[in-house]
Amino acid sequence: MPRLRPVARAAAFFDLDKTLMAGSSGMVWAQVAYEAGQISRRDIARWAWEHLRYRLRGASDEATHQALTQAREVLRGTPERELRRMGPAVMAGVLPRIYPQMLAEVYAHQDAGRPTFIVSAASNDLIEMLALVLGMQGGVGTRYEVDADGRYTGELDGPFVYGEGKVEAMRRYAEEHDIDLAESWAYSDSASDLPMLRAVGNPVVVNPDPALLAVARAEGWRVMRFERLGRRLTLVGGVLVAALVGGAQAAMRRRRPARGLRAVRLGRRG
């Protein structure tokens, strides 16, 4: 008797930045790297301004690919263990930013028998760790190549999980887990994730940027909108950055000289 293939099932795929969590996981990483003395006061201040613009305007392809280039440069020659040791501190910064509304969506899918996955341009180590902590069934992020000595080469180990790269990752997961994308859900905040949203039968937009909102309305997609941080960020963003820069000099005197990662300007990762 021939062996029957398991019946395909639906799943739910979640973007991370501004979808599962408020803001950017890259900002959390930058704060941890700054506390470890691995990026400079000037770089963390510049990133804070960029993070504010991202919160208000969303991501762009140009900024995201620039961030990838900078990440590859900063990682080149860095021992993998140094970044892994930052993982718990990054997780401690990300978890309080998880939207309760989105965690409820994750649980609702799981209760309905659908596995849940994170798909993000952020590093694969962070995504896998976060999926585990949140009780999700898996996650995939951007992988960076490590050489035989355990150091990053500055090259990618697989696709950049952004735009069409997210669709590639989702299709791979669908094949491995017998998932029918036509019956599945996808959640994102940004028009850059239109390929991801159009790859499934049930796209959902979350706190969408204007371009994505226009598409969602035209297509009749479900819209979730619950973030109210934009106007507050406009008012207090400058104050926060000024405080950061003003207090940084004293903090740096207490810190050991930077080693490992070179100072870079980081961009959006999710």
Protein backbone atom coordinates (compact mmCIF):
# COMPACT_ATOMS: atom_id res chain seq x y z
CA MET A 1 0.00 0.00 0.00
CA PRO A 2 1.50 3.43 -0.90
CA ARG A 3 2.55 5.73 1.95
CA LEU A 4 0.16 8.66 2.28
CA ARG A 5 1.55 12.18 2.62
CA PRO A 6 0.16 14.03 5.70
CA VAL A 7 -2.66 16.43 4.94
CA ALA A 8 -1.39 20.00 4.53
CA ARG A 9 -2.40 22.45 7.22
CA ALA A 10 -2.53 26.17 7.73
CA ALA A 11 -0.02 28.20 9.75
CA ALA A 12 0.51 31.80 10.84
CA PHE A 13 3.67 33.79 10.01
CA PHE A 14 4.58 36.95 11.92
CA ASP A 15 6.99 39.75 11.08
CA LEU A 16 8.83 41.00 14.18
CA ASP A 17 9.55 44.75 14.16
CA LYS A 18 6.42 46.90 14.64
CA THR A 19 4.30 43.77 14.21
CA LEU A 20 4.97 41.40 17.09
CA MET A 21 6.83 44.09 19.03
CA ALA A 22 6.79 47.87 19.38
CA GLY A 23 9.69 49.47 17.55
CA SER A 24 12.81 47.80 16.23
CA SER A 25 14.72 44.84 17.59
CA GLY A 26 17.77 46.50 16.02
CA MET A 27 17.42 49.39 18.49
CA VAL A 28 17.43 46.93 21.38
CA TRP A 29 20.54 45.27 19.99
CA ALA A 30 22.24 48.65 19.60
CA GLN A 31 21.48 49.57 23.21
CA VAL A 32 22.96 46.30 24.44
CA ALA A 33 26.02 46.73 22.21
CA TYR A 34 26.46 50.27 23.51
CA GLU A 35 26.30 49.12 27.13
CA ALA A 36 28.95 46.54 26.28
CA GLY A 37 31.18 49.27 24.84
CA GLN A 38 30.95 47.85 21.33
CA ILE A 39 29.49 50.88 19.56
CA SER A 40 30.14 54.56 20.17
CA ARG A 41 28.10 57.35 21.77
CA ARG A 42 27.77 59.06 18.39
CA ASP A 43 26.48 55.89 16.74
CA ILE A 44 23.86 55.14 19.40
CA ALA A 45 22.61 58.75 19.22
CA ARG A 46 22.38 58.61 15.43
CA TRP A 47 20.59 55.26 15.61
CA ALA A 48 18.11 56.68 18.12
CA TRP A 49 17.12 59.37 15.60
CA GLU A 50 16.82 56.79 12.83
CA HIS A 51 14.70 54.62 15.10
CA LEU A 52 12.38 57.56 15.72
CA ARG A 53 11.99 58.15 11.97
CA TYR A 54 11.32 54.44 11.46
CA ARG A 55 8.60 54.46 14.12
CA LEU A 56 6.85 57.34 12.40
CA ARG A 57 7.45 56.63 8.70
CA GLY A 58 8.16 52.92 8.39
CA ALA A 59 11.01 51.16 6.64
CA SER A 60 12.45 51.59 3.15
CA ASP A 61 14.31 49.17 0.90
CA GLU A 62 17.29 51.52 0.69
CA ALA A 63 17.64 51.89 4.47
CA THR A 64 17.20 48.16 5.05
CA HIS A 65 19.83 47.13 2.51
CA GLN A 66 22.19 49.77 3.88
CA ALA A 67 21.69 48.25 7.33
CA LEU A 68 22.54 44.81 5.94
CA THR A 69 25.78 46.14 4.43
CA GLN A 70 26.75 47.74 7.72
CA ALA A 71 25.89 44.61 9.69
CA ARG A 72 28.12 42.51 7.47
CA GLU A 73 30.96 44.97 7.91
CA VAL A 74 30.66 45.10 11.68
CA LEU A 75 30.46 41.34 12.02
CA ARG A 76 33.48 40.54 9.89
CA GLY A 77 36.13 38.97 12.14
CA THR A 78 33.99 39.07 15.28
CA PRO A 79 33.82 35.82 17.32
CA GLU A 80 30.36 34.30 17.19
CA ARG A 81 30.42 33.73 20.95
CA GLU A 82 30.53 37.51 21.61
CA LEU A 83 27.18 38.02 19.93
CA ARG A 84 25.66 34.91 21.49
CA ARG A 85 26.57 36.22 24.95
CA MET A 86 24.59 39.37 24.22
CA GLY A 87 21.48 37.28 23.52
CA PRO A 88 19.96 37.26 27.03
CA ALA A 89 20.30 41.04 27.38
CA VAL A 90 18.74 41.59 23.95
CA MET A 91 15.90 39.25 24.86
CA ALA A 92 15.32 41.15 28.11
CA GLY A 93 14.87 44.31 26.05
CA VAL A 94 12.62 42.75 23.40
CA LEU A 95 10.16 40.84 25.59
CA PRO A 96 8.62 43.88 27.35
CA ARG A 97 7.92 45.34 23.88
CA ILE A 98 5.84 42.40 22.67
CA TYR A 99 2.30 43.60 21.92
CA PRO A 100 -0.27 41.77 24.11
CA GLN A 101 -2.70 41.96 21.18
CA MET A 102 -0.27 40.08 18.96
CA LEU A 103 0.52 37.49 21.58
CA ALA A 104 -3.24 36.89 21.78
CA GLU A 105 -3.23 36.35 17.99
CA VAL A 106 -0.41 33.81 18.34
CA TYR A 107 -2.32 31.92 21.02
CA ALA A 108 -5.57 32.01 19.03
CA HIS A 109 -3.86 30.37 16.07
CA GLN A 110 -2.25 27.76 18.28
CA ASP A 111 -5.60 27.00 19.95
CA ALA A 112 -7.05 26.47 16.48
CA GLY A 113 -4.31 23.95 15.71
CA ARG A 114 -2.19 26.20 13.52
CA PRO A 115 1.59 26.40 14.11
CA THR A 116 3.07 29.89 14.44
CA PHE A 117 6.38 31.19 13.11
CA ILE A 118 8.40 34.42 13.21
CA VAL A 119 9.91 35.50 9.89
CA SER A 120 12.25 38.49 10.15
CA ALA A 121 15.33 40.15 8.69
CA ALA A 122 16.80 40.18 12.20
CA SER A 123 19.50 37.67 13.05
CA ASN A 124 18.46 34.03 13.08
CA ASP A 125 19.84 33.50 16.60
CA LEU A 126 17.55 36.21 17.99
CA ILE A 127 14.51 34.95 16.07
CA GLU A 128 14.96 31.34 17.15
CA MET A 129 15.48 32.39 20.77
CA LEU A 130 12.42 34.64 20.77
CA ALA A 131 10.21 31.99 19.14
CA LEU A 132 11.27 29.53 21.83
CA VAL A 133 10.55 31.95 24.68
CA LEU A 134 7.14 32.89 23.25
CA GLY A 135 6.19 29.24 22.82
CA MET A 136 5.94 29.51 19.05
CA GLN A 137 6.73 26.61 16.76
CA GLY A 138 9.75 28.16 15.09
CA GLY A 139 11.31 31.13 13.41
CA VAL A 140 13.73 32.09 10.72
CA GLY A 141 15.95 35.15 10.39
CA THR A 142 19.02 36.19 8.46
CA ARG A 143 22.00 33.90 8.94
CA TYR A 144 25.60 35.13 8.82
CA GLU A 145 28.46 32.87 7.80
CA VAL A 146 30.92 31.68 10.47
CA ASP A 147 34.36 30.32 9.56
CA ALA A 148 36.20 27.33 11.00
CA ASP A 149 37.62 29.53 13.79
CA GLY A 150 34.16 30.59 14.95
CA ARG A 151 34.38 34.12 13.52
CA TYR A 152 31.92 35.87 11.25
CA THR A 153 33.18 36.24 7.70
CA GLY A 154 30.90 39.17 6.83
CA GLU A 155 29.02 37.04 4.29
CA LEU A 156 25.47 35.74 4.43
CA ASP A 157 24.75 32.06 5.02
CA GLY A 158 21.53 31.90 3.04
CA PRO A 159 19.05 34.51 1.84
CA PHE A 160 18.52 37.95 3.36
CA VAL A 161 15.14 37.42 5.01
CA TYR A 162 13.53 40.58 3.67
CA GLY A 163 11.06 41.17 0.85
CA GLU A 164 11.16 38.16 -1.45
CA GLY A 165 13.62 36.56 0.98
CA LYS A 166 10.81 36.21 3.51
CA VAL A 167 8.68 34.43 0.95
CA GLU A 168 11.55 32.05 0.22
CA ALA A 169 11.85 31.29 3.95
CA MET A 170 8.10 30.76 4.29
CA ARG A 171 8.00 28.40 1.32
CA ARG A 172 10.84 26.39 2.79
CA TYR A 173 8.97 26.11 6.10
CA ALA A 174 5.79 25.20 4.27
CA GLU A 175 7.55 22.36 2.50
CA GLU A 176 9.22 21.09 5.67
CA HIS A 177 6.03 21.20 7.77
CA ASP A 178 3.39 20.30 5.18
CA ILE A 179 1.82 23.75 5.35
CA ASP A 180 -0.58 25.09 2.75
CA LEU A 181 0.27 28.77 2.28
CA ALA A 182 -3.02 29.39 0.49
CA GLU A 183 -4.79 28.52 3.75
CA SER A 184 -2.31 30.34 6.01
CA TRP A 185 -2.03 33.78 7.67
CA ALA A 186 0.71 36.41 7.55
CA TYR A 187 1.07 39.56 9.67
CA SER A 188 3.16 42.66 8.93
CA ASP A 189 3.27 46.44 9.33
CA SER A 190 5.22 47.46 6.22
CA ALA A 191 4.69 47.69 2.47
CA SER A 192 8.10 46.04 2.13
CA ASP A 193 6.37 42.85 3.26
CA LEU A 194 3.77 42.83 0.50
CA PRO A 195 5.41 39.71 -1.04
CA MET A 196 5.01 37.94 2.33
CA LEU A 197 1.40 39.05 2.71
CA ARG A 198 0.47 38.09 -0.84
CA ALA A 199 2.04 34.65 -0.43
CA VAL A 200 -0.78 33.55 1.90
CA GLY A 201 -4.53 33.34 1.70
CA ASN A 202 -5.16 35.44 4.82
CA PRO A 203 -2.98 38.59 5.00
CA VAL A 204 -3.34 40.83 8.06
CA VAL A 205 -1.77 44.27 8.40
CA VAL A 206 -0.71 45.53 11.83
CA ASN A 207 -0.27 49.24 12.61
CA PRO A 208 0.41 49.66 8.87
CA ASP A 209 2.46 52.34 7.19
CA PRO A 210 0.47 54.53 4.76
CA ALA A 211 1.48 52.58 1.64
CA LEU A 212 0.48 49.26 3.17
CA LEU A 213 -2.77 50.67 4.54
CA ALA A 214 -3.74 51.83 1.05
CA VAL A 215 -3.17 48.34 -0.34
CA ALA A 216 -5.03 46.71 2.53
CA ARG A 217 -8.08 48.91 1.98
CA ALA A 218 -8.05 48.26 -1.76
CA GLU A 219 -7.73 44.50 -1.24
CA GLY A 220 -10.14 44.25 1.69
CA TRP A 221 -7.51 42.86 4.05
CA ARG A 222 -7.98 42.82 7.80
CA VAL A 223 -6.34 45.78 9.57
CA MET A 224 -5.23 45.71 13.20
CA ARG A 225 -4.43 49.14 14.61
CA PHE A 226 -3.68 49.64 18.28
CA GLU A 227 -0.36 51.51 18.53
CA ARG A 228 -0.66 55.10 19.77
CA LEU A 229 3.03 55.86 20.21
CA GLY A 230 3.62 57.91 17.05
CA ARG A 231 2.50 61.32 18.27
CA ARG A 232 4.10 60.85 21.66
CA LEU A 233 7.36 59.86 19.99
CA THR A 234 7.24 63.02 17.90
CA LEU A 235 7.09 65.13 21.05
CA VAL A 236 9.57 63.33 23.24
CA GLY A 237 11.99 61.82 20.73
CA GLY A 238 14.34 64.79 20.72
CA VAL A 239 14.36 64.94 24.50
CA LEU A 240 15.22 61.26 24.81
CA VAL A 241 18.09 61.46 22.36
CA ALA A 242 19.45 64.60 24.01
CA ALA A 243 19.40 62.86 27.37
CA LEU A 244 21.15 59.87 25.88
CA VAL A 245 23.92 61.96 24.37
CA GLY A 246 24.26 64.13 27.47
CA GLY A 247 24.62 61.19 29.82
CA ALA A 248 26.73 59.06 27.56
CA GLN A 249 30.07 60.71 28.25
CA ALA A 250 29.96 59.90 31.94
CA ALA A 251 28.83 56.37 31.19
CA MET A 252 31.66 55.85 28.74
CA ARG A 253 34.23 56.80 31.39
CA ARG A 254 33.01 53.88 33.46
CA ARG A 255 33.24 51.52 30.54
CA ARG A 256 36.19 49.54 29.26
CA PRO A 257 37.54 50.45 25.82
CA ALA A 258 35.44 49.09 22.98
CA ARG A 259 36.64 45.82 21.50
CA GLY A 260 35.28 43.24 19.11
CA LEU A 261 32.67 45.06 17.08
CA ARG A 262 33.62 48.25 15.27
CA ALA A 263 31.40 51.30 15.71
CA VAL A 264 28.80 51.42 12.93
CA ARG A 265 25.50 52.98 12.11
CA LEU A 266 22.83 50.32 12.31
CA GLY A 267 19.55 50.36 10.47
CA ARG A 268 16.16 48.64 10.66
CA ARG A 269 16.26 44.85 10.94
CA GLY A 270 12.86 43.59 10.82
